[in-house]
């Protein structure tokens, strides 16, 4: 009786591993928690980068996977790009005028176990976006876009954290705003 049961268990494990299933805490650091640090700064948006790091750390903390400090193993998060796209175009004096803006934050996260080691886990490029209306003055418009960039980065940070934890997430295709 034990042999058929062992075969059944072995087949179940093989099926789970073969289908792409990844366990919670897919980062591969084992029982070790991760410190979250900022990677290379490639985008001149300090507030958005800070929001990215804080949101990623917050998501790991919710799952009990956050380690304090900047030691190893660590999760290095990078904000790679911020894109703005005009939304809701309307005619204005014979020219199109954008009535809203979609701000998309693109970034990635890598688990590093030790200095100068290859990443143990890499999320690949991921993105999140928000929609905002336009402001009447230039100063208000800049402040609004800065806030939108921080909101998009915050949403991206949560998504990166969830990917590192091995939680399922929807594809980017057909998604609405993240905030």
Foldseek 3Di string as FASTA:
>chain_A
DVVVVVVVVVVVVVVCVVVVQAAFQNQPPPPAAAEEDEDDADDPQVLQSVLLRVLLQVLCVVVVRYDDDHAPQYKYKYFHDKDKDADDWDDDPNDTDRQKIKIKIKIKIFTDGHPPDDTSDIPPIDMAIAMDGADDDPVVRVVRVSVRSNVRSSLVSNVNNCVSRSHDDDHPPPDDHSD
